[in-house]
Amino acid sequence: MSETVVAKRYADALFELGQEKSKLDVFQEEMNILKKVARENPSLENVLKHPRIPADRKKEVMTNSFKGFSEEVLHTLHLLIDRHRTDLMVPLADRFLVRVNDYQGVQEAVVYTVREMSEDEKQRLSRTFAPKVGKDSLIIDNRVDPDLLGGMRIRIGNRIFDGSLRGKLDQMERKLLSANNRG
């Protein structure tokens, strides 16, 4: 069974538990922290995957690393340790967050701009683009990219909206090259 399918099952179970216990917001925050910690600390993954470190010690590391996490999320992480599936931590968190966002009618968007966007600009962008992808609002991750020259490029899921000056110049270049190749 593929990792994605297994991670989805864990995420779906945690989502349903979160709904049942009215803890979706808590779980969502914890999954965001988990992803951040896992990304910024590759040594944690090394410890969790090390074959000579007993499961009890790994659980202790998890419990100490994520002090204050809900009992349900810690139990899920301990379950991953018991089943030798700690490689699913980030995919589980990703899938869980997608599920919560779908439930709340929001979607994450990465917006590349030449300069940092203001909160007002982010809100206007959300109001404009959220309906285009069938959502109520967007959670915007603004990334500064000076190579754009101007404008912006937006990635929402697997869709890209390119309104950057760099994108327009590249498009013009392709049209000119294809016209020259025909003539």
N, C-alpha and C. Protein backbone atom coordinates (compact mmCIF):
# COMPACT_ATOMS: atom_id res chain seq x y z
N MET A 1 0.85 -1.18 0.00
CA MET A 1 0.00 0.00 0.00
C MET A 1 0.90 1.24 0.00
N SER A 2 0.56 2.23 -0.81
CA SER A 2 1.41 3.40 -0.94
C SER A 2 1.37 4.26 0.33
N GLU A 3 2.46 5.01 0.51
CA GLU A 3 2.56 5.89 1.68
C GLU A 3 1.40 6.89 1.72
N THR A 4 1.04 7.40 0.56
CA THR A 4 -0.01 8.41 0.49
C THR A 4 -1.33 7.87 1.01
N VAL A 5 -1.66 6.65 0.63
CA VAL A 5 -2.91 6.04 1.05
C VAL A 5 -2.90 5.82 2.56
N VAL A 6 -1.78 5.34 3.09
CA VAL A 6 -1.68 5.08 4.53
C VAL A 6 -1.74 6.40 5.30
N ALA A 7 -1.01 7.41 4.84
CA ALA A 7 -1.02 8.72 5.50
C ALA A 7 -2.44 9.30 5.48
N LYS A 8 -3.14 9.11 4.37
CA LYS A 8 -4.51 9.61 4.24
C LYS A 8 -5.42 8.93 5.27
N ARG A 9 -5.23 7.65 5.49
CA ARG A 9 -6.07 6.93 6.46
C ARG A 9 -5.85 7.45 7.88
N TYR A 10 -4.59 7.64 8.25
CA TYR A 10 -4.29 8.21 9.57
C TYR A 10 -4.88 9.62 9.68
N ALA A 11 -4.68 10.43 8.66
CA ALA A 11 -5.16 11.82 8.66
C ALA A 11 -6.68 11.86 8.75
N ASP A 12 -7.34 11.00 7.99
CA ASP A 12 -8.80 10.97 8.01
C ASP A 12 -9.32 10.55 9.39
N ALA A 13 -8.66 9.57 10.00
CA ALA A 13 -9.07 9.12 11.34
C ALA A 13 -8.89 10.25 12.36
N LEU A 14 -7.76 10.96 12.27
CA LEU A 14 -7.50 12.07 13.19
C LEU A 14 -8.49 13.21 12.95
N PHE A 15 -8.82 13.45 11.69
CA PHE A 15 -9.80 14.49 11.35
C PHE A 15 -11.16 14.16 11.97
N GLU A 16 -11.60 12.92 11.80
CA GLU A 16 -12.90 12.51 12.35
C GLU A 16 -12.90 12.59 13.88
N LEU A 17 -11.79 12.22 14.48
CA LEU A 17 -11.67 12.32 15.93
C LEU A 17 -11.72 13.78 16.37
N GLY A 18 -11.06 14.64 15.61
CA GLY A 18 -11.07 16.07 15.90
C GLY A 18 -12.46 16.67 15.81
N GLN A 19 -13.23 16.23 14.81
CA GLN A 19 -14.61 16.69 14.67
C GLN A 19 -15.45 16.20 15.85
N GLU A 20 -15.31 14.93 16.15
CA GLU A 20 -16.08 14.30 17.21
C GLU A 20 -15.84 14.98 18.56
N LYS A 21 -14.59 15.34 18.82
CA LYS A 21 -14.23 15.94 20.11
C LYS A 21 -14.15 17.47 20.05
N SER A 22 -14.55 18.07 18.92
CA SER A 22 -14.49 19.52 18.72
C SER A 22 -13.09 20.07 18.97
N LYS A 23 -12.09 19.38 18.41
CA LYS A 23 -10.70 19.79 18.60
C LYS A 23 -9.98 20.02 17.28
N LEU A 24 -10.73 20.25 16.20
CA LEU A 24 -10.08 20.44 14.89
C LEU A 24 -9.08 21.57 14.91
N ASP A 25 -9.43 22.69 15.55
CA ASP A 25 -8.51 23.83 15.60
C ASP A 25 -7.22 23.48 16.34
N VAL A 26 -7.36 22.75 17.44
CA VAL A 26 -6.19 22.33 18.22
C VAL A 26 -5.30 21.41 17.38
N PHE A 27 -5.92 20.41 16.76
CA PHE A 27 -5.16 19.46 15.93
C PHE A 27 -4.49 20.18 14.76
N GLN A 28 -5.20 21.14 14.18
CA GLN A 28 -4.67 21.88 13.04
C GLN A 28 -3.39 22.63 13.45
N GLU A 29 -3.44 23.29 14.57
CA GLU A 29 -2.27 24.02 15.07
C GLU A 29 -1.11 23.05 15.34
N GLU A 30 -1.42 21.92 15.94
CA GLU A 30 -0.38 20.94 16.26
C GLU A 30 0.23 20.33 14.99
N MET A 31 -0.58 20.10 13.98
CA MET A 31 -0.05 19.56 12.71
C MET A 31 0.86 20.58 12.02
N ASN A 32 0.52 21.86 12.12
CA ASN A 32 1.38 22.90 11.56
C ASN A 32 2.72 22.93 12.29
N ILE A 33 2.69 22.81 13.60
CA ILE A 33 3.92 22.79 14.40
C ILE A 33 4.74 21.54 14.05
N LEU A 34 4.07 20.40 13.96
CA LEU A 34 4.75 19.15 13.64
C LEU A 34 5.50 19.26 12.31
N LYS A 35 4.81 19.79 11.28
CA LYS A 35 5.44 19.96 9.97
C LYS A 35 6.67 20.86 10.06
N LYS A 36 6.52 21.97 10.77
CA LYS A 36 7.61 22.93 10.89
C LYS A 36 8.81 22.30 11.60
N VAL A 37 8.56 21.62 12.70
CA VAL A 37 9.63 20.99 13.48
C VAL A 37 10.31 19.91 12.64
N ALA A 38 9.53 19.09 11.95
CA ALA A 38 10.10 18.01 11.13
C ALA A 38 10.97 18.57 10.01
N ARG A 39 10.52 19.68 9.40
CA ARG A 39 11.26 20.30 8.30
C ARG A 39 12.56 20.93 8.80
N GLU A 40 12.51 21.57 9.96
CA GLU A 40 13.66 22.30 10.47
C GLU A 40 14.64 21.44 11.26
N ASN A 41 14.25 20.21 11.59
CA ASN A 41 15.11 19.34 12.42
C ASN A 41 15.25 17.95 11.82
N PRO A 42 16.07 17.81 10.78
CA PRO A 42 16.23 16.48 10.18
C PRO A 42 16.79 15.45 11.17
N SER A 43 17.44 15.92 12.23
CA SER A 43 17.99 14.99 13.23
C SER A 43 16.86 14.23 13.94
N LEU A 44 15.68 14.85 14.06
CA LEU A 44 14.55 14.17 14.68
C LEU A 44 14.18 12.93 13.88
N GLU A 45 14.13 13.08 12.57
CA GLU A 45 13.81 11.94 11.70
C GLU A 45 14.87 10.85 11.83
N ASN A 46 16.13 11.25 11.93
CA ASN A 46 17.21 10.26 12.08
C ASN A 46 17.04 9.46 13.36
N VAL A 47 16.68 10.12 14.44
CA VAL A 47 16.45 9.44 15.72
C VAL A 47 15.28 8.47 15.59
N LEU A 48 14.20 8.95 14.98
CA LEU A 48 12.99 8.12 14.88
C LEU A 48 13.17 6.92 13.96
N LYS A 49 14.06 7.02 12.99
CA LYS A 49 14.28 5.91 12.06
C LYS A 49 15.40 4.97 12.50
N HIS A 50 16.18 5.38 13.50
CA HIS A 50 17.34 4.59 13.92
C HIS A 50 16.90 3.25 14.48
N PRO A 51 17.40 2.16 13.90
CA PRO A 51 16.95 0.82 14.31
C PRO A 51 17.39 0.41 15.71
N ARG A 52 18.45 1.01 16.24
CA ARG A 52 18.95 0.60 17.55
C ARG A 52 18.32 1.35 18.71
N ILE A 53 17.54 2.36 18.40
CA ILE A 53 16.86 3.10 19.47
C ILE A 53 15.51 2.45 19.71
N PRO A 54 15.26 2.00 20.94
CA PRO A 54 13.99 1.31 21.21
C PRO A 54 12.78 2.24 21.07
N ALA A 55 11.65 1.65 20.76
CA ALA A 55 10.41 2.40 20.54
C ALA A 55 10.04 3.25 21.76
N ASP A 56 10.26 2.71 22.96
CA ASP A 56 9.93 3.48 24.17
C ASP A 56 10.73 4.77 24.25
N ARG A 57 11.99 4.70 23.87
CA ARG A 57 12.86 5.89 23.88
C ARG A 57 12.39 6.89 22.82
N LYS A 58 12.00 6.38 21.65
CA LYS A 58 11.51 7.25 20.57
C LYS A 58 10.23 7.97 21.00
N LYS A 59 9.36 7.23 21.70
CA LYS A 59 8.12 7.84 22.19
C LYS A 59 8.42 8.93 23.21
N GLU A 60 9.41 8.67 24.04
CA GLU A 60 9.82 9.65 25.04
C GLU A 60 10.33 10.92 24.35
N VAL A 61 11.13 10.75 23.29
CA VAL A 61 11.63 11.88 22.52
C VAL A 61 10.46 12.67 21.93
N MET A 62 9.49 11.95 21.36
CA MET A 62 8.32 12.60 20.77
C MET A 62 7.53 13.37 21.82
N THR A 63 7.27 12.74 22.94
CA THR A 63 6.50 13.37 24.00
C THR A 63 7.21 14.63 24.51
N ASN A 64 8.53 14.55 24.68
CA ASN A 64 9.29 15.71 25.15
C ASN A 64 9.39 16.79 24.08
N SER A 65 9.51 16.39 22.84
CA SER A 65 9.63 17.35 21.74
C SER A 65 8.33 18.11 21.52
N PHE A 66 7.22 17.45 21.76
CA PHE A 66 5.91 18.06 21.50
C PHE A 66 5.10 18.19 22.78
N LYS A 67 5.76 18.67 23.83
CA LYS A 67 5.08 18.92 25.11
C LYS A 67 3.90 19.86 24.86
N GLY A 68 2.78 19.58 25.46
CA GLY A 68 1.62 20.44 25.30
C GLY A 68 0.70 20.01 24.17
N PHE A 69 1.14 19.04 23.35
CA PHE A 69 0.28 18.53 22.29
C PHE A 69 -0.86 17.75 22.92
N SER A 70 -1.96 17.67 22.21
CA SER A 70 -3.12 16.93 22.70
C SER A 70 -2.78 15.45 22.81
N GLU A 71 -3.49 14.80 23.69
CA GLU A 71 -3.31 13.36 23.91
C GLU A 71 -3.54 12.58 22.61
N GLU A 72 -4.53 13.01 21.82
CA GLU A 72 -4.89 12.29 20.60
C GLU A 72 -3.78 12.36 19.54
N VAL A 73 -3.19 13.54 19.37
CA VAL A 73 -2.12 13.68 18.38
C VAL A 73 -0.88 12.92 18.85
N LEU A 74 -0.54 13.04 20.13
CA LEU A 74 0.61 12.28 20.65
C LEU A 74 0.39 10.78 20.49
N HIS A 75 -0.83 10.33 20.75
CA HIS A 75 -1.14 8.91 20.59
C HIS A 75 -0.93 8.48 19.14
N THR A 76 -1.34 9.32 18.20
CA THR A 76 -1.17 9.02 16.77
C THR A 76 0.32 8.93 16.43
N LEU A 77 1.11 9.86 16.96
CA LEU A 77 2.56 9.84 16.71
C LEU A 77 3.20 8.59 17.32
N HIS A 78 2.75 8.21 18.50
CA HIS A 78 3.26 6.99 19.14
C HIS A 78 2.88 5.75 18.31
N LEU A 79 1.69 5.78 17.76
CA LEU A 79 1.23 4.68 16.90
C LEU A 79 2.14 4.55 15.67
N LEU A 80 2.53 5.67 15.09
CA LEU A 80 3.44 5.65 13.95
C LEU A 80 4.78 5.04 14.34
N ILE A 81 5.23 5.33 15.55
CA ILE A 81 6.49 4.75 16.03
C ILE A 81 6.34 3.24 16.18
N ASP A 82 5.26 2.80 16.83
CA ASP A 82 5.02 1.36 17.03
C ASP A 82 4.97 0.60 15.71
N ARG A 83 4.42 1.24 14.70
CA ARG A 83 4.25 0.56 13.40
C ARG A 83 5.39 0.86 12.43
N HIS A 84 6.46 1.48 12.93
CA HIS A 84 7.64 1.80 12.11
C HIS A 84 7.25 2.63 10.89
N ARG A 85 6.38 3.61 11.09
CA ARG A 85 5.89 4.45 9.99
C ARG A 85 6.13 5.94 10.29
N THR A 86 7.21 6.26 10.98
CA THR A 86 7.48 7.66 11.30
C THR A 86 7.73 8.49 10.03
N ASP A 87 8.02 7.83 8.92
CA ASP A 87 8.18 8.55 7.66
C ASP A 87 6.86 9.17 7.19
N LEU A 88 5.75 8.79 7.81
CA LEU A 88 4.44 9.31 7.44
C LEU A 88 4.03 10.56 8.21
N MET A 89 4.89 11.01 9.14
CA MET A 89 4.51 12.17 9.97
C MET A 89 4.14 13.39 9.12
N VAL A 90 5.02 13.79 8.22
CA VAL A 90 4.76 14.99 7.41
C VAL A 90 3.64 14.75 6.40
N PRO A 91 3.63 13.61 5.67
CA PRO A 91 2.49 13.38 4.77
C PRO A 91 1.14 13.33 5.51
N LEU A 92 1.13 12.77 6.71
CA LEU A 92 -0.09 12.74 7.53
C LEU A 92 -0.50 14.17 7.87
N ALA A 93 0.45 14.98 8.31
CA ALA A 93 0.15 16.38 8.66
C ALA A 93 -0.36 17.13 7.43
N ASP A 94 0.29 16.94 6.29
CA ASP A 94 -0.13 17.61 5.05
C ASP A 94 -1.56 17.23 4.71
N ARG A 95 -1.84 15.95 4.72
CA ARG A 95 -3.17 15.46 4.35
C ARG A 95 -4.24 15.95 5.34
N PHE A 96 -3.90 15.94 6.62
CA PHE A 96 -4.82 16.42 7.65
C PHE A 96 -5.15 17.89 7.40
N LEU A 97 -4.13 18.71 7.13
CA LEU A 97 -4.34 20.14 6.92
C LEU A 97 -5.17 20.42 5.67
N VAL A 98 -4.96 19.63 4.62
CA VAL A 98 -5.78 19.77 3.41
C VAL A 98 -7.24 19.46 3.74
N ARG A 99 -7.43 18.41 4.50
CA ARG A 99 -8.79 17.99 4.88
C ARG A 99 -9.50 19.06 5.71
N VAL A 100 -8.77 19.66 6.65
CA VAL A 100 -9.35 20.72 7.49
C VAL A 100 -9.66 21.95 6.62
N ASN A 101 -8.72 22.30 5.74
CA ASN A 101 -8.94 23.46 4.87
C ASN A 101 -10.16 23.25 3.97
N ASP A 102 -10.31 22.04 3.42
CA ASP A 102 -11.48 21.74 2.60
C ASP A 102 -12.77 21.91 3.43
N TYR A 103 -12.75 21.39 4.62
CA TYR A 103 -13.89 21.46 5.52
C TYR A 103 -14.25 22.91 5.83
N GLN A 104 -13.22 23.76 5.98
CA GLN A 104 -13.44 25.16 6.33
C GLN A 104 -13.62 26.06 5.09
N GLY A 105 -13.51 25.48 3.89
CA GLY A 105 -13.69 26.26 2.67
C GLY A 105 -12.52 27.16 2.33
N VAL A 106 -11.33 26.79 2.80
CA VAL A 106 -10.14 27.57 2.50
C VAL A 106 -9.11 26.72 1.77
N GLN A 107 -8.19 27.39 1.12
CA GLN A 107 -7.11 26.69 0.44
C GLN A 107 -5.84 27.51 0.59
N GLU A 108 -4.72 26.81 0.65
CA GLU A 108 -3.44 27.49 0.74
C GLU A 108 -3.01 27.93 -0.65
N ALA A 109 -2.39 29.11 -0.70
CA ALA A 109 -1.89 29.65 -1.96
C ALA A 109 -0.49 30.21 -1.71
N VAL A 110 0.41 29.96 -2.64
CA VAL A 110 1.75 30.55 -2.57
C VAL A 110 1.77 31.67 -3.59
N VAL A 111 2.07 32.88 -3.13
CA VAL A 111 2.08 34.05 -4.00
C VAL A 111 3.50 34.61 -4.04
N TYR A 112 4.06 34.61 -5.25
CA TYR A 112 5.40 35.14 -5.47
C TYR A 112 5.29 36.57 -5.95
N THR A 113 5.94 37.49 -5.25
CA THR A 113 5.93 38.90 -5.62
C THR A 113 7.34 39.47 -5.50
N VAL A 114 7.53 40.65 -6.06
CA VAL A 114 8.84 41.31 -6.00
C VAL A 114 9.09 41.87 -4.61
N ARG A 115 8.04 42.25 -3.91
CA ARG A 115 8.15 42.79 -2.56
C ARG A 115 7.09 42.12 -1.67
N GLU A 116 7.27 42.26 -0.37
CA GLU A 116 6.33 41.70 0.60
C GLU A 116 4.95 42.38 0.43
N MET A 117 3.90 41.57 0.45
CA MET A 117 2.54 42.10 0.32
C MET A 117 2.01 42.57 1.67
N SER A 118 1.16 43.59 1.66
CA SER A 118 0.51 44.05 2.88
C SER A 118 -0.67 43.11 3.19
N GLU A 119 -1.19 43.18 4.40
CA GLU A 119 -2.34 42.35 4.77
C GLU A 119 -3.55 42.70 3.91
N ASP A 120 -3.72 43.98 3.60
CA ASP A 120 -4.84 44.42 2.76
C ASP A 120 -4.72 43.81 1.36
N GLU A 121 -3.52 43.79 0.82
CA GLU A 121 -3.31 43.20 -0.51
C GLU A 121 -3.59 41.70 -0.48
N LYS A 122 -3.19 41.04 0.58
CA LYS A 122 -3.45 39.60 0.72
C LYS A 122 -4.95 39.33 0.77
N GLN A 123 -5.68 40.15 1.52
CA GLN A 123 -7.13 39.97 1.63
C GLN A 123 -7.82 40.19 0.29
N ARG A 124 -7.42 41.24 -0.44
CA ARG A 124 -8.01 41.50 -1.75
C ARG A 124 -7.72 40.36 -2.72
N LEU A 125 -6.49 39.86 -2.67
CA LEU A 125 -6.10 38.74 -3.53
C LEU A 125 -6.94 37.51 -3.20
N SER A 126 -7.14 37.27 -1.91
CA SER A 126 -7.96 36.14 -1.46
C SER A 126 -9.39 36.27 -1.98
N ARG A 127 -9.96 37.45 -1.85
CA ARG A 127 -11.34 37.67 -2.32
C ARG A 127 -11.46 37.48 -3.83
N THR A 128 -10.42 37.83 -4.56
CA THR A 128 -10.44 37.72 -6.02
C THR A 128 -10.25 36.28 -6.49
N PHE A 129 -9.27 35.58 -5.91
CA PHE A 129 -8.90 34.26 -6.43
C PHE A 129 -9.60 33.08 -5.77
N ALA A 130 -10.07 33.22 -4.54
CA ALA A 130 -10.74 32.10 -3.86
C ALA A 130 -11.92 31.56 -4.67
N PRO A 131 -12.80 32.43 -5.19
CA PRO A 131 -13.93 31.91 -5.99
C PRO A 131 -13.48 31.18 -7.26
N LYS A 132 -12.34 31.56 -7.80
CA LYS A 132 -11.84 30.92 -9.03
C LYS A 132 -11.47 29.46 -8.81
N VAL A 133 -11.19 29.11 -7.54
CA VAL A 133 -10.85 27.72 -7.22
C VAL A 133 -11.93 27.08 -6.33
N GLY A 134 -13.07 27.72 -6.25
CA GLY A 134 -14.21 27.15 -5.52
C GLY A 134 -14.06 27.16 -4.01
N LYS A 135 -13.37 28.16 -3.46
CA LYS A 135 -13.18 28.25 -2.01
C LYS A 135 -13.71 29.58 -1.49
N ASP A 136 -13.88 29.67 -0.19
CA ASP A 136 -14.36 30.90 0.45
C ASP A 136 -13.23 31.90 0.66
N SER A 137 -12.02 31.37 0.95
CA SER A 137 -10.87 32.25 1.15
C SER A 137 -9.58 31.48 0.93
N LEU A 138 -8.48 32.23 0.88
CA LEU A 138 -7.16 31.63 0.69
C LEU A 138 -6.27 31.96 1.88
N ILE A 139 -5.42 31.01 2.24
CA ILE A 139 -4.37 31.25 3.21
C ILE A 139 -3.13 31.55 2.37
N ILE A 140 -2.65 32.78 2.42
CA ILE A 140 -1.61 33.21 1.51
C ILE A 140 -0.23 33.15 2.15
N ASP A 141 0.65 32.42 1.48
CA ASP A 141 2.06 32.34 1.84
C ASP A 141 2.79 33.21 0.81
N ASN A 142 3.17 34.42 1.20
CA ASN A 142 3.81 35.37 0.29
C ASN A 142 5.32 35.14 0.29
N ARG A 143 5.88 34.89 -0.88
CA ARG A 143 7.32 34.69 -1.03
C ARG A 143 7.88 35.73 -1.98
N VAL A 144 8.90 36.43 -1.54
CA VAL A 144 9.51 37.47 -2.36
C VAL A 144 10.45 36.83 -3.36
N ASP A 145 10.26 37.19 -4.66
CA ASP A 145 11.09 36.67 -5.75
C ASP A 145 11.45 37.84 -6.68
N PRO A 146 12.64 38.42 -6.49
CA PRO A 146 13.02 39.58 -7.30
C PRO A 146 13.18 39.26 -8.80
N ASP A 147 13.28 38.00 -9.17
CA ASP A 147 13.41 37.62 -10.58
C ASP A 147 12.12 37.88 -11.37
N LEU A 148 11.01 38.10 -10.68
CA LEU A 148 9.74 38.33 -11.38
C LEU A 148 9.71 39.67 -12.10
N LEU A 149 10.54 40.61 -11.69
CA LEU A 149 10.61 41.97 -12.24
C LEU A 149 9.41 42.82 -11.84
N GLY A 150 8.22 42.26 -11.80
CA GLY A 150 7.00 42.97 -11.42
C GLY A 150 5.82 42.03 -11.49
N GLY A 151 4.66 42.44 -10.99
CA GLY A 151 3.49 41.58 -11.01
C GLY A 151 3.59 40.48 -9.97
N MET A 152 2.89 39.36 -10.23
CA MET A 152 2.92 38.25 -9.27
C MET A 152 2.61 36.93 -9.97
N ARG A 153 3.02 35.86 -9.31
CA ARG A 153 2.70 34.51 -9.77
C ARG A 153 2.05 33.82 -8.57
N ILE A 154 0.91 33.17 -8.82
CA ILE A 154 0.13 32.55 -7.74
C ILE A 154 0.00 31.06 -8.01
N ARG A 155 0.33 30.25 -6.98
CA ARG A 155 0.14 28.80 -7.10
C ARG A 155 -0.89 28.39 -6.06
N ILE A 156 -2.02 27.87 -6.57
CA ILE A 156 -3.09 27.38 -5.69
C ILE A 156 -3.31 25.93 -6.06
N GLY A 157 -2.88 25.03 -5.17
CA GLY A 157 -2.95 23.60 -5.50
C GLY A 157 -2.06 23.34 -6.69
N ASN A 158 -2.62 22.75 -7.75
CA ASN A 158 -1.82 22.47 -8.94
C ASN A 158 -2.07 23.50 -10.05
N ARG A 159 -2.73 24.60 -9.72
CA ARG A 159 -3.00 25.66 -10.69
C ARG A 159 -2.04 26.82 -10.48
N ILE A 160 -1.58 27.39 -11.59
CA ILE A 160 -0.69 28.54 -11.52
C ILE A 160 -1.29 29.68 -12.33
N PHE A 161 -1.38 30.84 -11.69
CA PHE A 161 -1.83 32.06 -12.35
C PHE A 161 -0.60 32.95 -12.46
N ASP A 162 -0.12 33.18 -13.67
CA ASP A 162 1.11 33.95 -13.85
C ASP A 162 0.80 35.32 -14.43
N GLY A 163 0.83 36.32 -13.57
CA GLY A 163 0.63 37.70 -13.99
C GLY A 163 1.90 38.49 -13.78
N SER A 164 3.05 37.78 -13.79
CA SER A 164 4.33 38.46 -13.57
C SER A 164 4.86 39.03 -14.87
N LEU A 165 5.66 40.06 -14.75
CA LEU A 165 6.30 40.65 -15.91
C LEU A 165 7.23 39.63 -16.56
N ARG A 166 7.93 38.86 -15.74
CA ARG A 166 8.82 37.82 -16.26
C ARG A 166 8.02 36.81 -17.08
N GLY A 167 6.86 36.40 -16.57
CA GLY A 167 6.00 35.45 -17.28
C GLY A 167 5.51 36.00 -18.60
N LYS A 168 5.14 37.28 -18.61
CA LYS A 168 4.67 37.91 -19.86
C LYS A 168 5.80 38.01 -20.89
N LEU A 169 7.02 38.35 -20.42
CA LEU A 169 8.16 38.42 -21.33
C LEU A 169 8.50 37.05 -21.91
N ASP A 170 8.46 36.02 -21.06
CA ASP A 170 8.72 34.65 -21.53
C ASP A 170 7.68 34.22 -22.56
N GLN A 171 6.42 34.59 -22.32
CA GLN A 171 5.34 34.25 -23.24
C GLN A 171 5.54 34.96 -24.59
N MET A 172 5.93 36.23 -24.55
CA MET A 172 6.19 36.97 -25.79
C MET A 172 7.36 36.35 -26.56
N GLU A 173 8.39 35.94 -25.82
CA GLU A 173 9.55 35.32 -26.45
C GLU A 173 9.15 34.02 -27.15
N ARG A 174 8.32 33.22 -26.50
CA ARG A 174 7.88 31.96 -27.12
C ARG A 174 7.08 32.23 -28.39
N LYS A 175 6.22 33.25 -28.35
CA LYS A 175 5.42 33.59 -29.54
C LYS A 175 6.32 34.06 -30.68
N LEU A 176 7.29 34.89 -30.35
CA LEU A 176 8.21 35.38 -31.39
C LEU A 176 9.02 34.24 -32.00
N LEU A 177 9.50 33.35 -31.15
CA LEU A 177 10.30 32.22 -31.64
C LEU A 177 9.46 31.29 -32.51
N SER A 178 8.22 31.05 -32.10
CA SER A 178 7.37 30.15 -32.92
C SER A 178 7.00 30.83 -34.24
N ALA A 179 6.83 32.16 -34.25
CA ALA A 179 6.54 32.88 -35.49
C ALA A 179 7.75 32.84 -36.42
N ASN A 180 8.95 32.97 -35.85
CA ASN A 180 10.18 32.91 -36.67
C ASN A 180 10.41 31.53 -37.25
N ASN A 181 10.05 30.50 -36.48
CA ASN A 181 10.24 29.13 -36.95
C ASN A 181 9.28 28.78 -38.08
N ARG A 182 8.14 29.43 -38.12
CA ARG A 182 7.16 29.18 -39.18
C ARG A 182 7.53 29.92 -40.47
N GLY A 183 8.16 31.06 -40.32
CA GLY A 183 8.42 31.93 -41.47
C GLY A 183 9.73 31.70 -42.07
